[in-house]
């Protein structure tokens, strides 16, 4: 579906699989840092549509948003000001897309779950905390949940540049901008207290048997990224539990930052999603 976004001034393509029996629940699936412009990785790298085939929930998989963290950016997202990239993803996902989904697919504005991997996991928890009236459930698979911890902003700056020349300062402003802290899941979790379900996971960074064919240079990167996510997710979870948020946690003994891990988590949490959303 091509959905017009007034805030971004263009159509945003969204892959949608309607609920099997007319249910009004929606399940937003957010992509990772290197999201492409032609398909959601939730369709291309794992088949979420097949996983939820015959489930009474509408899958909502927006395409694009590489390096965006699904946020409303302060300014053009790249350094190429002659071809400005206008990112207003939070506005699109929470103010613009829900009306389209309600009109065309019967998705209720107050009966949604949201999940994401890596960058999308960070965004899923941020959006669910800020819009609890829209999202009843939030799931983060190998997300980065302490984005203003020492060194985290430097790592984000390097990752955004590598993903497509994105300028971290254009996202929330300077290093001391309050918006950086407001959009750190570690500090933005109060809105999750009333959620029906919150789930976080991260592998150990130790390769699983399924990872045996990965090239050594890719393996090293995926191990490091998952290790950072693991530490970040553990820290977030400790604070969330102390804050009274009921968090489901999963830290498998193996698993690196790749689609073997993310797809396995999607399959593992399918019953939790369908139970929470009453969408079998």
Protein backbone atom coordinates (compact mmCIF):
# COMPACT_ATOMS: atom_id res chain seq x y z
CA UNK A 1 0.00 0.00 0.00
CA UNK A 2 1.19 3.53 -0.77
CA UNK A 3 0.16 5.75 2.13
CA UNK A 4 0.42 9.52 1.78
CA UNK A 5 2.42 11.17 4.55
CA UNK A 6 1.73 14.92 4.89
CA UNK A 7 4.62 15.29 7.33
CA UNK A 8 7.13 13.77 4.90
CA UNK A 9 5.49 15.08 1.75
CA UNK A 10 5.52 11.75 -0.08
CA UNK A 11 3.96 8.32 -0.21
CA UNK A 12 5.31 5.73 2.19
CA UNK A 13 4.99 2.14 1.04
CA UNK A 14 3.67 -0.24 3.68
CA UNK A 15 3.37 -3.99 3.29
CA UNK A 16 0.15 -5.19 4.92
CA UNK A 17 -1.23 -8.66 5.55
CA UNK A 18 -4.88 -8.36 6.65
CA UNK A 19 -6.24 -10.23 9.65
CA UNK A 20 -7.54 -13.64 8.63
CA UNK A 21 -11.00 -13.29 10.14
CA UNK A 22 -11.69 -9.57 10.28
CA UNK A 23 -10.00 -8.91 13.62
CA UNK A 24 -9.21 -5.30 14.52
CA UNK A 25 -5.73 -5.89 16.04
CA UNK A 26 -2.61 -4.60 14.30
CA UNK A 27 1.02 -5.72 14.61
CA UNK A 28 3.61 -3.16 13.47
CA UNK A 29 6.98 -4.69 12.53
CA UNK A 30 9.86 -2.19 12.36
CA UNK A 31 13.05 -2.77 10.39
CA UNK A 32 16.72 -2.43 11.24
CA UNK A 33 19.36 0.19 10.46
CA UNK A 34 19.81 -0.83 6.82
CA UNK A 35 16.16 -0.88 5.82
CA UNK A 36 15.74 -0.84 2.05
CA UNK A 37 13.36 1.10 -0.16
CA UNK A 38 11.89 -1.94 -1.92
CA UNK A 39 10.75 -4.37 0.79
CA UNK A 40 10.56 -4.87 4.51
CA UNK A 41 13.19 -7.25 5.83
CA UNK A 42 10.38 -8.88 7.78
CA UNK A 43 9.19 -10.19 4.42
CA UNK A 44 12.55 -10.56 2.67
CA UNK A 45 14.86 -11.98 5.37
CA UNK A 46 12.25 -13.87 7.39
CA UNK A 47 8.74 -14.58 6.19
CA UNK A 48 6.59 -12.88 8.83
CA UNK A 49 3.59 -13.19 6.51
CA UNK A 50 3.92 -16.97 6.52
CA UNK A 51 4.56 -17.05 10.27
CA UNK A 52 1.30 -15.20 10.93
CA UNK A 53 -0.66 -16.77 8.10
CA UNK A 54 -4.24 -17.48 9.23
CA UNK A 55 -3.77 -15.36 12.37
CA UNK A 56 -6.49 -12.85 13.18
CA UNK A 57 -4.11 -9.87 13.28
CA UNK A 58 -3.07 -7.39 10.58
CA UNK A 59 0.67 -7.21 9.93
CA UNK A 60 1.91 -3.68 9.24
CA UNK A 61 5.44 -3.49 7.78
CA UNK A 62 6.57 -0.02 6.65
CA UNK A 63 9.26 0.11 3.99
CA UNK A 64 12.24 2.46 4.22
CA UNK A 65 13.55 4.57 7.06
CA UNK A 66 17.17 3.41 6.96
CA UNK A 67 19.05 4.91 9.90
CA UNK A 68 15.95 6.81 11.05
CA UNK A 69 15.24 5.13 14.40
CA UNK A 70 11.65 5.83 13.27
CA UNK A 71 11.91 9.29 14.81
CA UNK A 72 10.85 12.81 13.86
CA UNK A 73 14.17 14.40 12.88
CA UNK A 74 15.05 18.02 13.59
CA UNK A 75 16.49 18.57 10.11
CA UNK A 76 17.57 16.87 6.85
CA UNK A 77 18.80 13.40 7.71
CA UNK A 78 21.91 13.38 5.51
CA UNK A 79 24.73 15.82 4.84
CA UNK A 80 23.55 16.20 1.22
CA UNK A 81 21.47 19.36 1.61
CA UNK A 82 20.89 19.57 -2.15
CA UNK A 83 18.78 16.40 -1.87
CA UNK A 84 17.32 16.66 1.63
CA UNK A 85 15.95 13.56 3.33
CA UNK A 86 12.93 14.47 5.45
CA UNK A 87 12.37 11.91 8.22
CA UNK A 88 9.17 12.27 10.23
CA UNK A 89 8.57 8.63 10.99
CA UNK A 90 7.07 9.00 14.43
CA UNK A 91 4.39 11.32 13.05
CA UNK A 92 3.69 8.90 10.21
CA UNK A 93 3.38 5.81 12.40
CA UNK A 94 1.28 7.41 15.12
CA UNK A 95 -0.71 10.20 13.45
CA UNK A 96 -1.03 9.35 9.75
CA UNK A 97 -0.89 5.60 9.18
CA UNK A 98 -3.49 4.60 11.85
CA UNK A 99 -6.33 6.38 10.02
CA UNK A 100 -5.43 4.60 6.77
CA UNK A 101 -5.30 1.21 8.49
CA UNK A 102 -8.62 1.81 10.19
CA UNK A 103 -10.33 2.86 6.98
CA UNK A 104 -8.96 0.13 4.70
CA UNK A 105 -8.26 -2.81 7.03
CA UNK A 106 -10.42 -2.22 10.10
CA UNK A 107 -7.43 -1.91 12.45
CA UNK A 108 -8.45 -0.17 15.67
CA UNK A 109 -6.31 2.78 16.68
CA UNK A 110 -6.07 1.51 20.26
CA UNK A 111 -5.45 -2.21 19.67
CA UNK A 112 -1.91 -2.59 18.36
CA UNK A 113 1.37 -4.32 19.11
CA UNK A 114 4.75 -3.10 17.89
CA UNK A 115 7.99 -5.03 17.49
CA UNK A 116 11.35 -4.29 15.97
CA UNK A 117 14.85 -5.64 15.55
CA UNK A 118 18.01 -3.69 16.42
CA UNK A 119 17.18 -0.04 15.53
CA UNK A 120 13.54 -1.06 15.26
CA UNK A 121 13.62 -2.55 18.76
CA UNK A 122 14.80 0.78 20.14
CA UNK A 123 11.96 2.52 18.30
CA UNK A 124 9.33 -0.04 19.33
CA UNK A 125 9.89 0.61 23.03
CA UNK A 126 10.06 4.38 22.52
CA UNK A 127 6.82 4.49 20.53
CA UNK A 128 4.94 2.18 22.88
CA UNK A 129 6.03 4.23 25.90
CA UNK A 130 5.01 7.50 24.28
CA UNK A 131 1.75 6.27 22.74
CA UNK A 132 0.30 3.74 25.18
CA UNK A 133 -3.20 4.49 23.85
CA UNK A 134 -2.09 3.07 20.48
CA UNK A 135 0.25 0.22 21.45
CA UNK A 136 -0.80 -2.34 24.07
CA UNK A 137 2.25 -4.52 23.52
CA UNK A 138 5.91 -3.86 22.69
CA UNK A 139 8.70 -6.24 21.74
CA UNK A 140 12.41 -5.51 21.20
CA UNK A 141 14.61 -8.09 19.52
CA UNK A 142 18.28 -7.20 20.05
CA UNK A 143 17.52 -3.50 20.40
CA UNK A 144 19.79 -0.79 21.78
CA UNK A 145 17.99 0.42 24.87
CA UNK A 146 20.54 2.73 26.51
CA UNK A 147 21.29 5.15 23.68
CA UNK A 148 22.77 7.92 25.82
CA UNK A 149 25.05 5.69 27.89
CA UNK A 150 28.77 6.60 27.72
CA UNK A 151 30.04 5.88 24.22
CA UNK A 152 26.61 5.04 22.80
CA UNK A 153 26.21 8.28 20.86
CA UNK A 154 29.63 7.82 19.26
CA UNK A 155 28.68 4.31 18.17
CA UNK A 156 25.37 5.59 16.80
CA UNK A 157 27.15 8.36 14.90
CA UNK A 158 29.48 5.84 13.25
CA UNK A 159 26.64 3.43 12.46
CA UNK A 160 24.44 6.12 10.93
CA UNK A 161 27.24 7.41 8.74
CA UNK A 162 28.05 3.89 7.57
CA UNK A 163 24.38 3.10 6.87
CA UNK A 164 23.97 5.91 4.36
CA UNK A 165 25.73 9.10 5.37
CA UNK A 166 23.16 10.05 8.02
CA UNK A 167 23.91 12.93 10.39
CA UNK A 168 23.18 12.07 14.02
CA UNK A 169 23.01 15.76 14.96
CA UNK A 170 20.05 16.18 12.61
CA UNK A 171 18.05 13.60 14.55
CA UNK A 172 17.64 15.21 17.97
CA UNK A 173 20.10 18.09 17.92
CA UNK A 174 23.36 18.61 19.76
CA UNK A 175 25.00 16.23 22.21
CA UNK A 176 23.27 18.00 25.11
CA UNK A 177 19.82 18.23 23.51
CA UNK A 178 17.09 17.06 25.93
CA UNK A 179 15.46 15.20 23.02
CA UNK A 180 18.33 12.71 23.01
CA UNK A 181 17.44 11.67 26.54
CA UNK A 182 13.69 11.81 25.91
CA UNK A 183 14.22 9.27 23.11
CA UNK A 184 16.50 6.95 25.06
CA UNK A 185 14.38 3.92 26.07
CA UNK A 186 16.29 3.81 29.36
CA UNK A 187 14.74 7.14 30.36
CA UNK A 188 11.55 6.87 28.30
CA UNK A 189 9.82 3.91 29.91
CA UNK A 190 7.14 5.32 32.22
CA UNK A 191 4.42 4.88 29.59
CA UNK A 192 5.03 1.12 29.54
CA UNK A 193 3.75 0.60 33.08
CA UNK A 194 0.22 0.02 31.83
CA UNK A 195 1.17 -2.10 28.82
CA UNK A 196 -0.40 -5.53 28.55
CA UNK A 197 2.92 -7.08 27.54
CA UNK A 198 6.55 -5.95 27.18
CA UNK A 199 9.14 -8.37 25.80
CA UNK A 200 12.88 -7.88 25.32
CA UNK A 201 15.53 -10.27 24.07
CA UNK A 202 19.18 -10.35 23.09
CA UNK A 203 21.52 -13.22 22.32
CA UNK A 204 24.82 -13.81 24.06
CA UNK A 205 26.94 -12.93 21.04
CA UNK A 206 28.15 -16.55 20.82
CA UNK A 207 27.44 -17.97 17.34
CA UNK A 208 24.75 -20.62 17.11
CA UNK A 209 25.01 -23.71 14.93
CA UNK A 210 22.93 -21.92 12.28
CA UNK A 211 25.63 -19.23 12.00
CA UNK A 212 28.37 -21.63 10.87
CA UNK A 213 28.41 -20.47 7.24
CA UNK A 214 28.88 -16.75 7.92
CA UNK A 215 32.08 -15.09 6.68
CA UNK A 216 34.57 -14.36 9.49
CA UNK A 217 34.46 -10.57 9.09
CA UNK A 218 30.66 -10.55 9.20
CA UNK A 219 30.67 -12.97 12.11
CA UNK A 220 32.92 -10.73 14.20
CA UNK A 221 30.72 -7.69 13.57
CA UNK A 222 27.52 -9.58 14.39
CA UNK A 223 29.03 -10.95 17.60
CA UNK A 224 30.09 -7.48 18.75
CA UNK A 225 26.75 -5.86 17.90
CA UNK A 226 24.79 -8.53 19.74
CA UNK A 227 27.08 -8.29 22.74
CA UNK A 228 26.43 -4.55 22.98
CA UNK A 229 22.69 -5.14 22.62
CA UNK A 230 22.82 -7.79 25.34
CA UNK A 231 24.44 -5.45 27.86
CA UNK A 232 22.09 -2.62 26.90
CA UNK A 233 18.98 -4.81 27.14
CA UNK A 234 20.01 -6.21 30.52
CA UNK A 235 20.53 -2.69 31.90
CA UNK A 236 17.17 -1.50 30.56
CA UNK A 237 15.38 -4.53 31.96
CA UNK A 238 16.86 -4.08 35.43
CA UNK A 239 15.57 -0.52 35.59
CA UNK A 240 12.20 -1.46 34.08
CA UNK A 241 11.63 -4.20 36.65
CA UNK A 242 12.63 -1.84 39.48
CA UNK A 243 10.16 0.70 38.05
CA UNK A 244 7.27 -1.75 38.25
CA UNK A 245 7.09 -2.68 34.58
CA UNK A 246 6.32 -6.34 33.98
CA UNK A 247 8.93 -7.41 31.43
CA UNK A 248 9.28 -10.77 29.70
CA UNK A 249 13.01 -11.32 29.16
CA UNK A 250 14.88 -13.83 27.02
CA UNK A 251 18.66 -14.16 26.81
CA UNK A 252 19.51 -17.32 24.86
CA UNK A 253 22.93 -18.88 25.38
CA UNK A 254 23.78 -18.42 21.71
CA UNK A 255 22.78 -15.92 19.05
CA UNK A 256 24.42 -13.08 17.16
CA UNK A 257 23.11 -9.92 15.47
CA UNK A 258 21.52 -11.46 12.39
CA UNK A 259 18.27 -12.77 11.00
CA UNK A 260 18.78 -16.25 12.41
CA UNK A 261 18.33 -14.63 15.82
CA UNK A 262 15.60 -12.15 14.88
CA UNK A 263 13.51 -14.69 12.98
CA UNK A 264 13.79 -17.20 15.79
CA UNK A 265 12.52 -14.58 18.24
CA UNK A 266 9.58 -13.72 15.98
CA UNK A 267 8.52 -17.36 15.89
CA UNK A 268 9.08 -17.78 19.61
CA UNK A 269 6.95 -14.77 20.53
CA UNK A 270 4.08 -15.48 18.13
CA UNK A 271 1.96 -17.15 20.86
CA UNK A 272 2.63 -14.25 23.24
CA UNK A 273 1.55 -11.71 20.61
CA UNK A 274 -1.60 -13.59 19.66
CA UNK A 275 -2.52 -14.28 23.30
CA UNK A 276 -2.02 -10.63 24.31
CA UNK A 277 -3.91 -9.28 21.32
CA UNK A 278 -6.60 -11.99 21.43
CA UNK A 279 -5.90 -12.63 17.77
CA UNK A 280 -5.72 -16.38 17.23
